[in-house]
Amino acid sequence: MSQLPFADFMHVVQHAPLVSIDLIIENESGEVLLGFRRNEPAGGFWFVPGGRVLKNERLDAAFQRLTQVELGIALTRNQAEWLGVYEHFYDTNAGRQDGFGTHYVVLAYRLRLTADQLRLPMGEQHDEYRWQAPAAILCDDSVHYHSRSYFESHNESTS
């Protein structure tokens, strides 16, 4: 499995939904890990870690890859709690191209980890991280509404 060349990827973004996994990481105090997104869509907002499933990548392999890339520790899906399927629609896209947004079908999972278990990367996706209580997340407009939806009692899960 490899990532598509960028032009091919943008063609997919324009014409099809993407499948992704979001990771709702809770520490021992019940706070949730958020990263400040640098890139589109959702650039300039705090967001839970996660990423796309690649073509021909099994969900178990995608989960292990994404936890390694996003958290610095490879974990398996059976270590996580299944939260459901969500739909995320954005007006923007990774190429910042006009005329189309991004549609994600998101598989959401919760993991309970300690901060010392994580080796959080700095770079293309996020340039800072923080832990925040779910009640505070719900009131914080700097947290993207798709991330806030994981903590609403009447969330938008399609499951």
C-alpha atoms as a PDB file:
ATOM      1  CA  MET A   1       0.000   0.000   0.000  1.00  0.00           C
ATOM      2  CA  SER A   2       1.225   3.435  -0.804  1.00  0.00           C
ATOM      3  CA  GLN A   3      -0.227   6.877  -0.885  1.00  0.00           C
ATOM      4  CA  LEU A   4      -1.524   8.159  -4.192  1.00  0.00           C
ATOM      5  CA  PRO A   5       0.339  10.851  -6.092  1.00  0.00           C
ATOM      6  CA  PHE A   6      -1.138  14.172  -4.945  1.00  0.00           C
ATOM      7  CA  ALA A   7      -2.973  14.940  -8.222  1.00  0.00           C
ATOM      8  CA  ASP A   8      -4.633  11.505  -8.151  1.00  0.00           C
ATOM      9  CA  PHE A   9      -5.537  11.961  -4.491  1.00  0.00           C
ATOM     10  CA  MET A  10      -7.180  15.316  -5.231  1.00  0.00           C
ATOM     11  CA  HIS A  11      -9.211  13.654  -8.018  1.00  0.00           C
ATOM     12  CA  VAL A  12     -10.494  11.123  -5.465  1.00  0.00           C
ATOM     13  CA  VAL A  13     -11.280  13.893  -2.940  1.00  0.00           C
ATOM     14  CA  GLN A  14     -13.286  15.706  -5.606  1.00  0.00           C
ATOM     15  CA  HIS A  15     -15.277  12.630  -6.675  1.00  0.00           C
ATOM     16  CA  ALA A  16     -15.553  10.192  -3.758  1.00  0.00           C
ATOM     17  CA  PRO A  17     -15.717   9.969   0.028  1.00  0.00           C
ATOM     18  CA  LEU A  18     -12.597   9.029   1.976  1.00  0.00           C
ATOM     19  CA  VAL A  19     -12.522   6.489   4.802  1.00  0.00           C
ATOM     20  CA  SER A  20     -10.648   7.442   7.950  1.00  0.00           C
ATOM     21  CA  ILE A  21     -10.102   6.405  11.543  1.00  0.00           C
ATOM     22  CA  ASP A  22     -10.343   8.935  14.383  1.00  0.00           C
ATOM     23  CA  LEU A  23      -8.669   8.178  17.699  1.00  0.00           C
ATOM     24  CA  ILE A  24     -10.268   9.578  20.835  1.00  0.00           C
ATOM     25  CA  ILE A  25      -7.426   9.227  23.345  1.00  0.00           C
ATOM     26  CA  GLU A  26      -8.281   9.610  27.041  1.00  0.00           C
ATOM     27  CA  ASN A  27      -5.660   9.910  29.769  1.00  0.00           C
ATOM     28  CA  GLU A  28      -5.967   8.648  33.336  1.00  0.00           C
ATOM     29  CA  SER A  29      -7.780  11.899  34.311  1.00  0.00           C
ATOM     30  CA  GLY A  30     -10.403  11.514  31.575  1.00  0.00           C
ATOM     31  CA  GLU A  31      -8.947  14.340  29.480  1.00  0.00           C
ATOM     32  CA  VAL A  32      -8.823  13.945  25.700  1.00  0.00           C
ATOM     33  CA  LEU A  33      -5.793  14.430  23.460  1.00  0.00           C
ATOM     34  CA  LEU A  34      -6.114  17.129  20.782  1.00  0.00           C
ATOM     35  CA  GLY A  35      -3.619  18.228  18.141  1.00  0.00           C
ATOM     36  CA  PHE A  36      -3.576  21.650  16.485  1.00  0.00           C
ATOM     37  CA  ARG A  37      -4.078  20.969  12.762  1.00  0.00           C
ATOM     38  CA  ARG A  38      -1.822  22.731  10.325  1.00  0.00           C
ATOM     39  CA  ASN A  39      -3.275  21.362   7.092  1.00  0.00           C
ATOM     40  CA  GLU A  40      -6.694  21.316   5.442  1.00  0.00           C
ATOM     41  CA  PRO A  41      -9.336  20.280   5.884  1.00  0.00           C
ATOM     42  CA  ALA A  42      -9.872  21.594   9.424  1.00  0.00           C
ATOM     43  CA  GLY A  43      -6.599  23.538   9.440  1.00  0.00           C
ATOM     44  CA  GLY A  44      -6.338  26.014  12.300  1.00  0.00           C
ATOM     45  CA  PHE A  45      -8.469  23.946  14.691  1.00  0.00           C
ATOM     46  CA  TRP A  46      -7.813  21.504  17.512  1.00  0.00           C
ATOM     47  CA  PHE A  47      -8.747  17.984  16.400  1.00  0.00           C
ATOM     48  CA  VAL A  48      -8.476  14.412  17.657  1.00  0.00           C
ATOM     49  CA  PRO A  49      -5.677  12.327  16.065  1.00  0.00           C
ATOM     50  CA  GLY A  50      -6.489  10.078  13.136  1.00  0.00           C
ATOM     51  CA  GLY A  51      -5.981   9.559   9.435  1.00  0.00           C
ATOM     52  CA  ARG A  52      -7.050   7.943   6.186  1.00  0.00           C
ATOM     53  CA  VAL A  53      -7.339   4.263   5.392  1.00  0.00           C
ATOM     54  CA  LEU A  54      -5.276   3.470   2.284  1.00  0.00           C
ATOM     55  CA  LYS A  55      -6.443   1.496  -0.762  1.00  0.00           C
ATOM     56  CA  ASN A  56      -6.164  -2.276  -0.098  1.00  0.00           C
ATOM     57  CA  GLU A  57      -5.278  -1.644   3.543  1.00  0.00           C
ATOM     58  CA  ARG A  58      -7.172  -3.796   6.004  1.00  0.00           C
ATOM     59  CA  LEU A  59      -8.715  -1.906   8.924  1.00  0.00           C
ATOM     60  CA  ASP A  60      -6.529  -3.711  11.472  1.00  0.00           C
ATOM     61  CA  ALA A  61      -3.392  -2.709   9.552  1.00  0.00           C
ATOM     62  CA  ALA A  62      -4.650   0.864   9.129  1.00  0.00           C
ATOM     63  CA  PHE A  63      -5.352   1.126  12.853  1.00  0.00           C
ATOM     64  CA  GLN A  64      -1.849  -0.090  13.741  1.00  0.00           C
ATOM     65  CA  ARG A  65      -0.226   2.244  11.185  1.00  0.00           C
ATOM     66  CA  LEU A  66      -2.249   5.263  12.288  1.00  0.00           C
ATOM     67  CA  THR A  67      -1.628   4.728  16.004  1.00  0.00           C
ATOM     68  CA  GLN A  68       2.101   4.414  15.267  1.00  0.00           C
ATOM     69  CA  VAL A  69       2.165   7.535  13.063  1.00  0.00           C
ATOM     70  CA  GLU A  70      -0.207   9.675  15.151  1.00  0.00           C
ATOM     71  CA  LEU A  71       0.685   8.524  18.689  1.00  0.00           C
ATOM     72  CA  GLY A  72       4.145   6.972  18.390  1.00  0.00           C
ATOM     73  CA  ILE A  73       2.866   3.593  19.608  1.00  0.00           C
ATOM     74  CA  ALA A  74       1.419   0.777  17.491  1.00  0.00           C
ATOM     75  CA  LEU A  75      -1.850  -0.464  18.964  1.00  0.00           C
ATOM     76  CA  THR A  76      -4.484  -2.922  17.768  1.00  0.00           C
ATOM     77  CA  ARG A  77      -8.201  -2.349  17.261  1.00  0.00           C
ATOM     78  CA  ASN A  78      -9.060  -4.903  19.937  1.00  0.00           C
ATOM     79  CA  GLN A  79      -7.371  -2.583  22.463  1.00  0.00           C
ATOM     80  CA  ALA A  80      -9.869   0.163  21.588  1.00  0.00           C
ATOM     81  CA  GLU A  81     -13.534   0.808  22.228  1.00  0.00           C
ATOM     82  CA  TRP A  82     -15.663   1.145  19.088  1.00  0.00           C
ATOM     83  CA  LEU A  83     -17.643   4.421  19.097  1.00  0.00           C
ATOM     84  CA  GLY A  84     -19.342   4.238  15.710  1.00  0.00           C
ATOM     85  CA  VAL A  85     -19.405   5.582  12.166  1.00  0.00           C
ATOM     86  CA  TYR A  86     -19.500   9.340  11.597  1.00  0.00           C
ATOM     87  CA  GLU A  87     -19.780  11.521   8.500  1.00  0.00           C
ATOM     88  CA  HIS A  88     -17.568  14.585   8.215  1.00  0.00           C
ATOM     89  CA  PHE A  89     -18.166  17.153   5.494  1.00  0.00           C
ATOM     90  CA  TYR A  90     -15.720  20.018   4.915  1.00  0.00           C
ATOM     91  CA  ASP A  91     -15.902  23.005   2.590  1.00  0.00           C
ATOM     92  CA  THR A  92     -12.128  22.804   2.048  1.00  0.00           C
ATOM     93  CA  ASN A  93      -9.694  20.180   0.782  1.00  0.00           C
ATOM     94  CA  ALA A  94      -6.031  19.258   1.285  1.00  0.00           C
ATOM     95  CA  GLY A  95      -5.014  21.012  -1.943  1.00  0.00           C
ATOM     96  CA  ARG A  96      -6.852  24.224  -1.033  1.00  0.00           C
ATOM     97  CA  GLN A  97      -8.454  23.991  -4.469  1.00  0.00           C
ATOM     98  CA  ASP A  98     -11.632  25.920  -5.213  1.00  0.00           C
ATOM     99  CA  GLY A  99     -14.922  24.303  -6.117  1.00  0.00           C
ATOM    100  CA  PHE A 100     -15.061  21.220  -3.899  1.00  0.00           C
ATOM    101  CA  GLY A 101     -14.780  20.100  -0.327  1.00  0.00           C
ATOM    102  CA  THR A 102     -13.923  16.853   1.408  1.00  0.00           C
ATOM    103  CA  HIS A 103     -16.238  14.053   2.549  1.00  0.00           C
ATOM    104  CA  TYR A 104     -15.016  11.535   5.136  1.00  0.00           C
ATOM    105  CA  VAL A 105     -16.688   8.399   6.434  1.00  0.00           C
ATOM    106  CA  VAL A 106     -15.051   8.142   9.853  1.00  0.00           C
ATOM    107  CA  LEU A 107     -14.617   5.072  12.044  1.00  0.00           C
ATOM    108  CA  ALA A 108     -14.206   6.349  15.602  1.00  0.00           C
ATOM    109  CA  TYR A 109     -12.414   4.497  18.401  1.00  0.00           C
ATOM    110  CA  ARG A 110     -11.607   5.379  22.020  1.00  0.00           C
ATOM    111  CA  LEU A 111      -8.350   4.388  23.712  1.00  0.00           C
ATOM    112  CA  ARG A 112      -7.311   4.980  27.311  1.00  0.00           C
ATOM    113  CA  LEU A 113      -3.579   5.672  27.555  1.00  0.00           C
ATOM    114  CA  THR A 114      -1.187   7.494  29.843  1.00  0.00           C
ATOM    115  CA  ALA A 115       0.773  10.464  28.527  1.00  0.00           C
ATOM    116  CA  ASP A 116       4.057   8.530  29.033  1.00  0.00           C
ATOM    117  CA  GLN A 117       2.912   5.861  26.576  1.00  0.00           C
ATOM    118  CA  LEU A 118       2.741   8.400  23.744  1.00  0.00           C
ATOM    119  CA  ARG A 119       5.512   9.694  21.474  1.00  0.00           C
ATOM    120  CA  LEU A 120       3.614  12.478  19.729  1.00  0.00           C
ATOM    121  CA  PRO A 121       5.089  13.625  16.406  1.00  0.00           C
ATOM    122  CA  MET A 122       5.495  17.273  15.414  1.00  0.00           C
ATOM    123  CA  GLY A 123       5.313  18.071  11.754  1.00  0.00           C
ATOM    124  CA  GLU A 124       3.024  18.166   8.759  1.00  0.00           C
ATOM    125  CA  GLN A 125      -0.241  17.408  10.583  1.00  0.00           C
ATOM    126  CA  HIS A 126       0.094  18.973  14.052  1.00  0.00           C
ATOM    127  CA  ASP A 127       2.481  21.467  15.603  1.00  0.00           C
ATOM    128  CA  GLU A 128       1.221  21.272  19.194  1.00  0.00           C
ATOM    129  CA  TYR A 129      -0.880  19.053  21.442  1.00  0.00           C
ATOM    130  CA  ARG A 130      -2.953  19.471  24.581  1.00  0.00           C
ATOM    131  CA  TRP A 131      -5.176  17.477  26.928  1.00  0.00           C
ATOM    132  CA  GLN A 132      -8.656  18.853  27.530  1.00  0.00           C
ATOM    133  CA  ALA A 133     -11.673  17.696  29.528  1.00  0.00           C
ATOM    134  CA  PRO A 134     -14.685  16.671  27.403  1.00  0.00           C
ATOM    135  CA  ALA A 135     -16.919  19.301  29.075  1.00  0.00           C
ATOM    136  CA  ALA A 136     -14.404  22.010  28.116  1.00  0.00           C
ATOM    137  CA  ILE A 137     -14.126  20.652  24.566  1.00  0.00           C
ATOM    138  CA  LEU A 138     -17.872  21.088  24.085  1.00  0.00           C
ATOM    139  CA  CYS A 139     -17.602  24.816  24.927  1.00  0.00           C
ATOM    140  CA  ASP A 140     -14.403  25.529  22.975  1.00  0.00           C
ATOM    141  CA  ASP A 141     -14.838  26.943  19.462  1.00  0.00           C
ATOM    142  CA  SER A 142     -11.127  26.403  18.751  1.00  0.00           C
ATOM    143  CA  VAL A 143     -11.898  22.647  18.783  1.00  0.00           C
ATOM    144  CA  HIS A 144     -13.355  21.665  15.419  1.00  0.00           C
ATOM    145  CA  TYR A 145     -17.057  20.823  15.633  1.00  0.00           C
ATOM    146  CA  HIS A 146     -16.432  17.339  14.191  1.00  0.00           C
ATOM    147  CA  SER A 147     -14.169  16.594  17.172  1.00  0.00           C
ATOM    148  CA  ARG A 148     -16.659  18.189  19.577  1.00  0.00           C
ATOM    149  CA  SER A 149     -19.392  15.895  18.218  1.00  0.00           C
ATOM    150  CA  TYR A 150     -17.716  12.866  19.813  1.00  0.00           C
ATOM    151  CA  PHE A 151     -18.623  14.272  23.240  1.00  0.00           C
ATOM    152  CA  GLU A 152     -22.212  15.371  22.624  1.00  0.00           C
ATOM    153  CA  SER A 153     -24.911  13.166  24.119  1.00  0.00           C
ATOM    154  CA  HIS A 154     -26.808  13.284  20.829  1.00  0.00           C
ATOM    155  CA  ASN A 155     -23.862  12.813  18.460  1.00  0.00           C
ATOM    156  CA  GLU A 156     -24.087  12.434  14.692  1.00  0.00           C
ATOM    157  CA  SER A 157     -22.963   8.817  14.505  1.00  0.00           C
ATOM    158  CA  THR A 158     -24.683   6.854  11.781  1.00  0.00           C
ATOM    159  CA  SER A 159     -24.406   3.602  13.719  1.00  0.00           C
END
